[in-house]
Amino acid sequence: MNEKYNVFLISDSTGETLDRIFLSIKSQFSSFDCEKKDFVFVRTEQQIDRIINECKSIKNPIILYTIVETKLAKYILNESQKNDIACYGVLGSLILNFSKLLNQKAIHKPSAQHVLNDEYYKRIEAIQFTMNHDDGKKIGDIEQSDIVLLGVSRTSKTPTSIYLANKGYKTINIPLIQDQEIPVTLLQNKKKCVIGLYADPQRLSDIRRNRVAFMSENKISSYVDIDFIKKEVENSKKLFQKNNWPTIDVTRKSVEETAASIIRIFDIKKQK
């Protein structure tokens, strides 16, 4: 039986970076049994002392930290070593290596990535745009978008759009509904980045059945009918092929993976 570990994620900022890194680490071990606890905006030795004391009271503690202030980073490392606690700094060596490579001294400022600069406001604008253009709304604004996603129901259009918006891409998603015409602007604008999403019909049927059960609906049998869905998916693929729109099979892809593929397509199209 594998031991259970208590993982303490300690950040001097929001903890977003550290949480994603730990998620990536954890995914590489099939039997990593752990309990995770987050500590954000840790910027004093007193805060660290309380965390160390908690670590001392439990079995198998592991500390991962992103603390950019040099003195505080050394303090948490020294205190962990004194108490025989596994402790690893995620950014320290990287910042040092980049400092040497760039021949610059790092500013060691917590939350430096969360500045209210042009990039930040671009992301906020993209999020607002995307939320206002979800599920086929305001399709007259297609020219203002960066990316347009098409697909039948439950092909992850909305979550993917929101994820892209958080990356700064103004995204419109349009559901493909039987006998519904595609906006003429979309068909005429060959420079626009239009991407078709599709999934395995059986997978779509399962997802739709769960949604119908959750919504307590029972009058939309065609929505979950496998033959109807097969026809939907086939017609969507024909539409994508007819207009030479790149496609992505989202059947076994996470939103992050789908978005990464979309951004790659967007970059390639932008370079042409």
C-alpha atoms as a PDB file:
ATOM      1  CA  MET A   1       0.000   0.000   0.000  1.00  0.00           C
ATOM      2  CA  ASN A   2       1.389   3.407  -0.996  1.00  0.00           C
ATOM      3  CA  GLU A   3       1.954   6.039   1.640  1.00  0.00           C
ATOM      4  CA  LYS A   4      -0.130   9.183   1.660  1.00  0.00           C
ATOM      5  CA  TYR A   5       1.704  12.493   1.402  1.00  0.00           C
ATOM      6  CA  ASN A   6       0.682  15.948   2.577  1.00  0.00           C
ATOM      7  CA  VAL A   7       1.675  18.500  -0.013  1.00  0.00           C
ATOM      8  CA  PHE A   8       1.915  22.149   1.018  1.00  0.00           C
ATOM      9  CA  LEU A   9       1.865  24.608  -1.891  1.00  0.00           C
ATOM     10  CA  ILE A  10       3.252  27.931  -0.657  1.00  0.00           C
ATOM     11  CA  SER A  11       3.168  31.043  -2.809  1.00  0.00           C
ATOM     12  CA  ASP A  12       3.894  34.722  -2.253  1.00  0.00           C
ATOM     13  CA  SER A  13       1.210  35.532  -4.817  1.00  0.00           C
ATOM     14  CA  THR A  14      -2.068  33.940  -5.993  1.00  0.00           C
ATOM     15  CA  GLY A  15      -0.606  30.420  -6.212  1.00  0.00           C
ATOM     16  CA  GLU A  16      -1.864  29.898  -9.759  1.00  0.00           C
ATOM     17  CA  THR A  17       1.567  29.136 -11.202  1.00  0.00           C
ATOM     18  CA  LEU A  18       2.456  26.675  -8.451  1.00  0.00           C
ATOM     19  CA  ASP A  19      -0.896  24.909  -8.620  1.00  0.00           C
ATOM     20  CA  ARG A  20      -0.487  24.257 -12.336  1.00  0.00           C
ATOM     21  CA  ILE A  21       3.059  23.015 -11.916  1.00  0.00           C
ATOM     22  CA  PHE A  22       2.025  20.622  -9.153  1.00  0.00           C
ATOM     23  CA  LEU A  23      -0.865  19.361 -11.286  1.00  0.00           C
ATOM     24  CA  SER A  24       1.630  18.566 -14.043  1.00  0.00           C
ATOM     25  CA  ILE A  25       3.931  16.778 -11.588  1.00  0.00           C
ATOM     26  CA  LYS A  26       1.107  14.768 -10.024  1.00  0.00           C
ATOM     27  CA  SER A  27      -0.174  13.631 -13.425  1.00  0.00           C
ATOM     28  CA  GLN A  28       3.124  11.818 -14.031  1.00  0.00           C
ATOM     29  CA  PHE A  29       2.599   9.399 -11.128  1.00  0.00           C
ATOM     30  CA  SER A  30      -0.276   6.938 -11.299  1.00  0.00           C
ATOM     31  CA  SER A  31      -0.255   6.125  -7.590  1.00  0.00           C
ATOM     32  CA  PHE A  32       0.650   9.420  -5.948  1.00  0.00           C
ATOM     33  CA  ASP A  33      -1.761   9.534  -3.007  1.00  0.00           C
ATOM     34  CA  CYS A  34      -1.718  12.994  -1.495  1.00  0.00           C
ATOM     35  CA  GLU A  35      -3.629  15.686   0.313  1.00  0.00           C
ATOM     36  CA  LYS A  36      -2.971  19.190  -1.025  1.00  0.00           C
ATOM     37  CA  LYS A  37      -3.128  22.391   0.953  1.00  0.00           C
ATOM     38  CA  ASP A  38      -2.623  25.868  -0.510  1.00  0.00           C
ATOM     39  CA  PHE A  39      -1.063  28.882   1.186  1.00  0.00           C
ATOM     40  CA  VAL A  40      -1.173  32.113  -0.822  1.00  0.00           C
ATOM     41  CA  PHE A  41       0.289  35.586  -0.265  1.00  0.00           C
ATOM     42  CA  VAL A  42       2.896  34.201   2.132  1.00  0.00           C
ATOM     43  CA  ARG A  43       5.323  37.089   2.632  1.00  0.00           C
ATOM     44  CA  THR A  44       6.558  36.937   6.235  1.00  0.00           C
ATOM     45  CA  GLU A  45       8.693  34.609   8.338  1.00  0.00           C
ATOM     46  CA  GLN A  46       5.834  34.354  10.860  1.00  0.00           C
ATOM     47  CA  GLN A  47       3.562  32.884   8.191  1.00  0.00           C
ATOM     48  CA  ILE A  48       6.241  30.365   7.280  1.00  0.00           C
ATOM     49  CA  ASP A  49       6.760  29.419  10.935  1.00  0.00           C
ATOM     50  CA  ARG A  50       3.078  28.532  11.261  1.00  0.00           C
ATOM     51  CA  ILE A  51       3.241  26.386   8.144  1.00  0.00           C
ATOM     52  CA  ILE A  52       6.395  24.610   9.324  1.00  0.00           C
ATOM     53  CA  ASN A  53       4.732  23.852  12.665  1.00  0.00           C
ATOM     54  CA  GLU A  54       1.776  22.335  10.854  1.00  0.00           C
ATOM     55  CA  CYS A  55       4.132  20.223   8.745  1.00  0.00           C
ATOM     56  CA  LYS A  56       5.828  18.938  11.900  1.00  0.00           C
ATOM     57  CA  SER A  57       2.514  17.681  13.244  1.00  0.00           C
ATOM     58  CA  ILE A  58       1.677  15.381  10.310  1.00  0.00           C
ATOM     59  CA  LYS A  59       3.261  12.507   8.398  1.00  0.00           C
ATOM     60  CA  ASN A  60       5.053  12.763   5.062  1.00  0.00           C
ATOM     61  CA  PRO A  61       4.929  16.532   4.498  1.00  0.00           C
ATOM     62  CA  ILE A  62       6.245  17.965   1.234  1.00  0.00           C
ATOM     63  CA  ILE A  63       6.655  21.678   0.604  1.00  0.00           C
ATOM     64  CA  LEU A  64       6.653  23.210  -2.851  1.00  0.00           C
ATOM     65  CA  TYR A  65       7.043  26.959  -2.985  1.00  0.00           C
ATOM     66  CA  THR A  66       7.199  29.909  -5.335  1.00  0.00           C
ATOM     67  CA  ILE A  67       8.720  32.718  -3.288  1.00  0.00           C
ATOM     68  CA  VAL A  68      10.774  35.215  -5.252  1.00  0.00           C
ATOM     69  CA  GLU A  69      12.095  37.331  -2.368  1.00  0.00           C
ATOM     70  CA  THR A  70      15.556  35.856  -1.778  1.00  0.00           C
ATOM     71  CA  LYS A  71      15.727  36.215   2.003  1.00  0.00           C
ATOM     72  CA  LEU A  72      12.312  34.632   2.538  1.00  0.00           C
ATOM     73  CA  ALA A  73      13.052  31.812   0.103  1.00  0.00           C
ATOM     74  CA  LYS A  74      16.235  30.981   2.024  1.00  0.00           C
ATOM     75  CA  TYR A  75      14.309  31.104   5.286  1.00  0.00           C
ATOM     76  CA  ILE A  76      11.708  28.542   4.253  1.00  0.00           C
ATOM     77  CA  LEU A  77      14.401  26.257   2.858  1.00  0.00           C
ATOM     78  CA  ASN A  78      16.535  26.479   6.016  1.00  0.00           C
ATOM     79  CA  GLU A  79      13.601  25.928   8.360  1.00  0.00           C
ATOM     80  CA  SER A  80      12.484  22.916   6.341  1.00  0.00           C
ATOM     81  CA  GLN A  81      15.945  21.380   6.416  1.00  0.00           C
ATOM     82  CA  LYS A  82      16.171  21.923  10.209  1.00  0.00           C
ATOM     83  CA  ASN A  83      12.963  19.944  10.651  1.00  0.00           C
ATOM     84  CA  ASP A  84      13.745  17.280   8.034  1.00  0.00           C
ATOM     85  CA  ILE A  85      10.881  18.364   5.768  1.00  0.00           C
ATOM     86  CA  ALA A  86      11.143  17.789   2.017  1.00  0.00           C
ATOM     87  CA  CYS A  87      11.156  21.272   0.481  1.00  0.00           C
ATOM     88  CA  TYR A  88      11.551  22.338  -3.149  1.00  0.00           C
ATOM     89  CA  GLY A  89      11.633  25.797  -4.702  1.00  0.00           C
ATOM     90  CA  VAL A  90       9.994  25.837  -8.118  1.00  0.00           C
ATOM     91  CA  LEU A  91      11.239  29.168  -9.490  1.00  0.00           C
ATOM     92  CA  GLY A  92      14.487  29.861  -7.651  1.00  0.00           C
ATOM     93  CA  SER A  93      16.986  28.070  -9.875  1.00  0.00           C
ATOM     94  CA  LEU A  94      15.170  29.151 -13.034  1.00  0.00           C
ATOM     95  CA  ILE A  95      15.275  32.817 -12.046  1.00  0.00           C
ATOM     96  CA  LEU A  96      18.967  32.490 -11.177  1.00  0.00           C
ATOM     97  CA  ASN A  97      19.767  30.800 -14.492  1.00  0.00           C
ATOM     98  CA  PHE A  98      17.876  33.442 -16.461  1.00  0.00           C
ATOM     99  CA  SER A  99      19.611  36.180 -14.479  1.00  0.00           C
ATOM    100  CA  LYS A 100      22.965  34.785 -15.594  1.00  0.00           C
ATOM    101  CA  LEU A 101      21.802  34.253 -19.173  1.00  0.00           C
ATOM    102  CA  LEU A 102      20.341  37.744 -19.544  1.00  0.00           C
ATOM    103  CA  ASN A 103      23.088  39.363 -17.477  1.00  0.00           C
ATOM    104  CA  GLN A 104      20.377  41.119 -15.467  1.00  0.00           C
ATOM    105  CA  LYS A 105      19.505  41.191 -11.803  1.00  0.00           C
ATOM    106  CA  ALA A 106      16.011  39.850 -11.084  1.00  0.00           C
ATOM    107  CA  ILE A 107      13.671  42.248  -9.264  1.00  0.00           C
ATOM    108  CA  HIS A 108      12.365  39.484  -6.938  1.00  0.00           C
ATOM    109  CA  LYS A 109       8.986  41.176  -6.692  1.00  0.00           C
ATOM    110  CA  PRO A 110       5.938  39.070  -5.661  1.00  0.00           C
ATOM    111  CA  SER A 111       2.964  39.181  -8.070  1.00  0.00           C
ATOM    112  CA  ALA A 112       5.094  40.869 -10.727  1.00  0.00           C
ATOM    113  CA  GLN A 113       3.190  38.904 -13.366  1.00  0.00           C
ATOM    114  CA  HIS A 114      -0.109  40.455 -12.259  1.00  0.00           C
ATOM    115  CA  VAL A 115       0.536  43.972 -13.483  1.00  0.00           C
ATOM    116  CA  LEU A 116      -2.241  46.092 -15.002  1.00  0.00           C
ATOM    117  CA  ASN A 117      -0.528  46.490 -18.363  1.00  0.00           C
ATOM    118  CA  ASP A 118      -1.799  46.397 -21.950  1.00  0.00           C
ATOM    119  CA  GLU A 119      -1.701  42.611 -21.999  1.00  0.00           C
ATOM    120  CA  TYR A 120      -3.915  42.438 -18.906  1.00  0.00           C
ATOM    121  CA  TYR A 121      -6.525  44.787 -20.358  1.00  0.00           C
ATOM    122  CA  LYS A 122      -6.410  42.880 -23.633  1.00  0.00           C
ATOM    123  CA  ARG A 123      -7.351  39.712 -21.759  1.00  0.00           C
ATOM    124  CA  ILE A 124     -10.203  41.450 -19.934  1.00  0.00           C
ATOM    125  CA  GLU A 125     -11.526  42.813 -23.226  1.00  0.00           C
ATOM    126  CA  ALA A 126     -11.286  39.360 -24.812  1.00  0.00           C
ATOM    127  CA  ILE A 127     -13.191  37.777 -21.919  1.00  0.00           C
ATOM    128  CA  GLN A 128     -15.981  40.350 -22.135  1.00  0.00           C
ATOM    129  CA  PHE A 129     -16.191  39.937 -25.912  1.00  0.00           C
ATOM    130  CA  THR A 130     -16.278  36.150 -25.716  1.00  0.00           C
ATOM    131  CA  MET A 131     -18.960  36.051 -23.012  1.00  0.00           C
ATOM    132  CA  ASN A 132     -21.113  38.417 -25.087  1.00  0.00           C
ATOM    133  CA  HIS A 133     -20.714  36.225 -28.167  1.00  0.00           C
ATOM    134  CA  ASP A 134     -21.302  32.812 -26.647  1.00  0.00           C
ATOM    135  CA  ASP A 135     -23.544  30.228 -28.315  1.00  0.00           C
ATOM    136  CA  GLY A 136     -24.148  32.122 -31.553  1.00  0.00           C
ATOM    137  CA  LYS A 137     -24.956  35.519 -30.038  1.00  0.00           C
ATOM    138  CA  LYS A 138     -24.141  38.699 -31.986  1.00  0.00           C
ATOM    139  CA  ILE A 139     -22.745  36.901 -35.018  1.00  0.00           C
ATOM    140  CA  GLY A 140     -22.713  40.230 -36.808  1.00  0.00           C
ATOM    141  CA  ASP A 141     -19.490  40.989 -34.936  1.00  0.00           C
ATOM    142  CA  ILE A 142     -17.513  38.187 -36.592  1.00  0.00           C
ATOM    143  CA  GLU A 143     -15.082  40.664 -38.152  1.00  0.00           C
ATOM    144  CA  GLN A 144     -14.035  41.820 -34.669  1.00  0.00           C
ATOM    145  CA  SER A 145     -13.178  38.299 -33.479  1.00  0.00           C
ATOM    146  CA  ASP A 146      -9.826  36.542 -33.544  1.00  0.00           C
ATOM    147  CA  ILE A 147     -11.212  33.011 -33.630  1.00  0.00           C
ATOM    148  CA  VAL A 148     -14.563  31.461 -34.568  1.00  0.00           C
ATOM    149  CA  LEU A 149     -15.449  27.982 -33.326  1.00  0.00           C
ATOM    150  CA  LEU A 150     -18.143  25.834 -34.952  1.00  0.00           C
ATOM    151  CA  GLY A 151     -19.555  22.523 -33.787  1.00  0.00           C
ATOM    152  CA  VAL A 152     -22.662  20.588 -32.891  1.00  0.00           C
ATOM    153  CA  SER A 153     -23.983  20.638 -29.340  1.00  0.00           C
ATOM    154  CA  ARG A 154     -21.641  19.464 -26.523  1.00  0.00           C
ATOM    155  CA  THR A 155     -18.360  19.717 -28.424  1.00  0.00           C
ATOM    156  CA  SER A 156     -16.794  21.940 -25.714  1.00  0.00           C
ATOM    157  CA  LYS A 157     -17.231  25.169 -27.659  1.00  0.00           C
ATOM    158  CA  THR A 158     -18.070  27.399 -24.683  1.00  0.00           C
ATOM    159  CA  PRO A 159     -15.388  26.213 -22.203  1.00  0.00           C
ATOM    160  CA  THR A 160     -12.779  26.280 -24.959  1.00  0.00           C
ATOM    161  CA  SER A 161     -13.839  29.806 -25.947  1.00  0.00           C
ATOM    162  CA  ILE A 162     -13.571  31.016 -22.356  1.00  0.00           C
ATOM    163  CA  TYR A 163     -10.138  29.424 -21.981  1.00  0.00           C
ATOM    164  CA  LEU A 164      -8.981  31.130 -25.186  1.00  0.00           C
ATOM    165  CA  ALA A 165     -10.403  34.434 -23.956  1.00  0.00           C
ATOM    166  CA  ASN A 166      -8.278  34.134 -20.814  1.00  0.00           C
ATOM    167  CA  LYS A 167      -5.311  33.895 -23.164  1.00  0.00           C
ATOM    168  CA  GLY A 168      -6.384  37.126 -24.868  1.00  0.00           C
ATOM    169  CA  TYR A 169      -8.207  35.767 -27.937  1.00  0.00           C
ATOM    170  CA  LYS A 170     -11.599  37.250 -28.822  1.00  0.00           C
ATOM    171  CA  THR A 171     -13.607  34.130 -29.577  1.00  0.00           C
ATOM    172  CA  ILE A 172     -17.058  33.574 -31.048  1.00  0.00           C
ATOM    173  CA  ASN A 173     -18.621  30.125 -30.899  1.00  0.00           C
ATOM    174  CA  ILE A 174     -21.529  29.141 -33.114  1.00  0.00           C
ATOM    175  CA  PRO A 175     -23.576  25.972 -32.596  1.00  0.00           C
ATOM    176  CA  LEU A 176     -24.385  23.943 -35.685  1.00  0.00           C
ATOM    177  CA  ILE A 177     -28.109  23.276 -35.640  1.00  0.00           C
ATOM    178  CA  GLN A 178     -29.942  21.313 -38.318  1.00  0.00           C
ATOM    179  CA  ASP A 179     -31.148  23.496 -41.244  1.00  0.00           C
ATOM    180  CA  GLN A 180     -29.586  26.614 -39.714  1.00  0.00           C
ATOM    181  CA  GLU A 181     -27.645  28.703 -42.220  1.00  0.00           C
ATOM    182  CA  ILE A 182     -24.037  29.693 -41.609  1.00  0.00           C
ATOM    183  CA  PRO A 183     -23.451  33.485 -41.505  1.00  0.00           C
ATOM    184  CA  VAL A 184     -22.535  34.767 -44.974  1.00  0.00           C
ATOM    185  CA  THR A 185     -19.705  36.851 -43.476  1.00  0.00           C
ATOM    186  CA  LEU A 186     -18.073  33.666 -42.259  1.00  0.00           C
ATOM    187  CA  LEU A 187     -18.289  32.002 -45.660  1.00  0.00           C
ATOM    188  CA  GLN A 188     -16.905  35.024 -47.498  1.00  0.00           C
ATOM    189  CA  ASN A 189     -14.032  35.925 -45.178  1.00  0.00           C
ATOM    190  CA  LYS A 190     -11.292  33.463 -46.057  1.00  0.00           C
ATOM    191  CA  LYS A 191      -8.773  35.159 -43.775  1.00  0.00           C
ATOM    192  CA  LYS A 192     -10.771  34.624 -40.597  1.00  0.00           C
ATOM    193  CA  CYS A 193      -9.556  31.803 -38.344  1.00  0.00           C
ATOM    194  CA  VAL A 194     -12.541  29.434 -38.344  1.00  0.00           C
ATOM    195  CA  ILE A 195     -12.138  26.034 -36.696  1.00  0.00           C
ATOM    196  CA  GLY A 196     -14.552  23.121 -36.620  1.00  0.00           C
ATOM    197  CA  LEU A 197     -14.898  20.978 -33.508  1.00  0.00           C
ATOM    198  CA  TYR A 198     -16.339  17.479 -33.602  1.00  0.00           C
ATOM    199  CA  ALA A 199     -16.466  14.402 -31.396  1.00  0.00           C
ATOM    200  CA  ASP A 200     -17.301  10.718 -31.494  1.00  0.00           C
ATOM    201  CA  PRO A 201     -21.116  10.339 -31.792  1.00  0.00           C
ATOM    202  CA  GLN A 202     -21.327   7.777 -28.997  1.00  0.00           C
ATOM    203  CA  ARG A 203     -19.379  10.077 -26.698  1.00  0.00           C
ATOM    204  CA  LEU A 204     -21.700  12.959 -27.590  1.00  0.00           C
ATOM    205  CA  SER A 205     -24.737  10.797 -26.936  1.00  0.00           C
ATOM    206  CA  ASP A 206     -23.456   9.897 -23.460  1.00  0.00           C
ATOM    207  CA  ILE A 207     -22.728  13.534 -22.616  1.00  0.00           C
ATOM    208  CA  ARG A 208     -26.120  14.667 -23.877  1.00  0.00           C
ATOM    209  CA  ARG A 209     -27.933  11.965 -21.925  1.00  0.00           C
ATOM    210  CA  ASN A 210     -26.256  13.157 -18.750  1.00  0.00           C
ATOM    211  CA  ARG A 211     -27.248  16.732 -19.529  1.00  0.00           C
ATOM    212  CA  VAL A 212     -30.849  15.753 -20.264  1.00  0.00           C
ATOM    213  CA  ALA A 213     -31.041  13.781 -17.015  1.00  0.00           C
ATOM    214  CA  PHE A 214     -29.607  16.719 -15.085  1.00  0.00           C
ATOM    215  CA  MET A 215     -32.067  19.147 -16.682  1.00  0.00           C
ATOM    216  CA  SER A 216     -34.973  16.711 -16.136  1.00  0.00           C
ATOM    217  CA  GLU A 217     -35.932  16.911 -19.793  1.00  0.00           C
ATOM    218  CA  ASN A 218     -37.680  14.023 -21.521  1.00  0.00           C
ATOM    219  CA  LYS A 219     -39.081  15.457 -24.757  1.00  0.00           C
ATOM    220  CA  ILE A 220     -35.954  15.742 -26.885  1.00  0.00           C
ATOM    221  CA  SER A 221     -35.283  12.156 -27.955  1.00  0.00           C
ATOM    222  CA  SER A 222     -33.541  13.191 -31.193  1.00  0.00           C
ATOM    223  CA  TYR A 223     -31.018  15.188 -29.155  1.00  0.00           C
ATOM    224  CA  VAL A 224     -29.614  11.979 -27.666  1.00  0.00           C
ATOM    225  CA  ASP A 225     -30.442   9.570 -30.504  1.00  0.00           C
ATOM    226  CA  ILE A 226     -27.214   8.019 -31.747  1.00  0.00           C
ATOM    227  CA  ASP A 227     -28.312   7.877 -35.410  1.00  0.00           C
ATOM    228  CA  PHE A 228     -29.362  11.519 -35.339  1.00  0.00           C
ATOM    229  CA  ILE A 229     -26.042  12.495 -33.759  1.00  0.00           C
ATOM    230  CA  LYS A 230     -24.079  10.497 -36.334  1.00  0.00           C
ATOM    231  CA  LYS A 231     -25.852  12.458 -39.065  1.00  0.00           C
ATOM    232  CA  GLU A 232     -25.166  15.739 -37.239  1.00  0.00           C
ATOM    233  CA  VAL A 233     -21.455  15.006 -36.931  1.00  0.00           C
ATOM    234  CA  GLU A 234     -21.183  13.808 -40.521  1.00  0.00           C
ATOM    235  CA  ASN A 235     -22.903  16.947 -41.826  1.00  0.00           C
ATOM    236  CA  SER A 236     -20.631  19.158 -39.717  1.00  0.00           C
ATOM    237  CA  LYS A 237     -17.554  17.439 -41.127  1.00  0.00           C
ATOM    238  CA  LYS A 238     -18.848  17.953 -44.667  1.00  0.00           C
ATOM    239  CA  LEU A 239     -19.380  21.649 -43.921  1.00  0.00           C
ATOM    240  CA  PHE A 240     -15.848  22.008 -42.534  1.00  0.00           C
ATOM    241  CA  GLN A 241     -14.362  20.203 -45.530  1.00  0.00           C
ATOM    242  CA  LYS A 242     -16.412  22.210 -48.047  1.00  0.00           C
ATOM    243  CA  ASN A 243     -15.105  25.492 -46.632  1.00  0.00           C
ATOM    244  CA  ASN A 244     -11.576  24.208 -46.024  1.00  0.00           C
ATOM    245  CA  TRP A 245     -11.824  24.921 -42.299  1.00  0.00           C
ATOM    246  CA  PRO A 246      -9.347  23.054 -40.063  1.00  0.00           C
ATOM    247  CA  THR A 247     -10.924  20.627 -37.620  1.00  0.00           C
ATOM    248  CA  ILE A 248     -10.150  19.209 -34.190  1.00  0.00           C
ATOM    249  CA  ASP A 249     -11.484  15.968 -32.748  1.00  0.00           C
ATOM    250  CA  VAL A 250     -12.260  16.842 -29.113  1.00  0.00           C
ATOM    251  CA  THR A 251     -13.422  13.353 -28.103  1.00  0.00           C
ATOM    252  CA  ARG A 252     -10.512  12.622 -25.788  1.00  0.00           C
ATOM    253  CA  LYS A 253      -9.018  16.077 -25.504  1.00  0.00           C
ATOM    254  CA  SER A 254      -9.088  18.357 -22.502  1.00  0.00           C
ATOM    255  CA  VAL A 255     -10.090  21.988 -22.992  1.00  0.00           C
ATOM    256  CA  GLU A 256      -6.440  22.967 -22.523  1.00  0.00           C
ATOM    257  CA  GLU A 257      -5.279  20.554 -25.238  1.00  0.00           C
ATOM    258  CA  THR A 258      -7.976  21.720 -27.644  1.00  0.00           C
ATOM    259  CA  ALA A 259      -7.118  25.365 -26.998  1.00  0.00           C
ATOM    260  CA  ALA A 260      -3.411  24.699 -27.564  1.00  0.00           C
ATOM    261  CA  SER A 261      -4.206  23.165 -30.964  1.00  0.00           C
ATOM    262  CA  ILE A 262      -6.437  26.127 -31.840  1.00  0.00           C
ATOM    263  CA  ILE A 263      -3.743  28.659 -30.922  1.00  0.00           C
ATOM    264  CA  ARG A 264      -1.271  26.752 -33.081  1.00  0.00           C
ATOM    265  CA  ILE A 265      -3.682  26.899 -36.036  1.00  0.00           C
ATOM    266  CA  PHE A 266      -4.298  30.606 -35.383  1.00  0.00           C
ATOM    267  CA  ASP A 267      -0.552  31.346 -35.394  1.00  0.00           C
ATOM    268  CA  ILE A 268      -0.004  29.435 -38.633  1.00  0.00           C
ATOM    269  CA  LYS A 269      -2.893  31.240 -40.341  1.00  0.00           C
ATOM    270  CA  LYS A 270      -1.640  34.601 -39.080  1.00  0.00           C
ATOM    271  CA  GLN A 271       1.767  33.994 -40.632  1.00  0.00           C
ATOM    272  CA  LYS A 272       0.309  33.338 -44.077  1.00  0.00           C
END
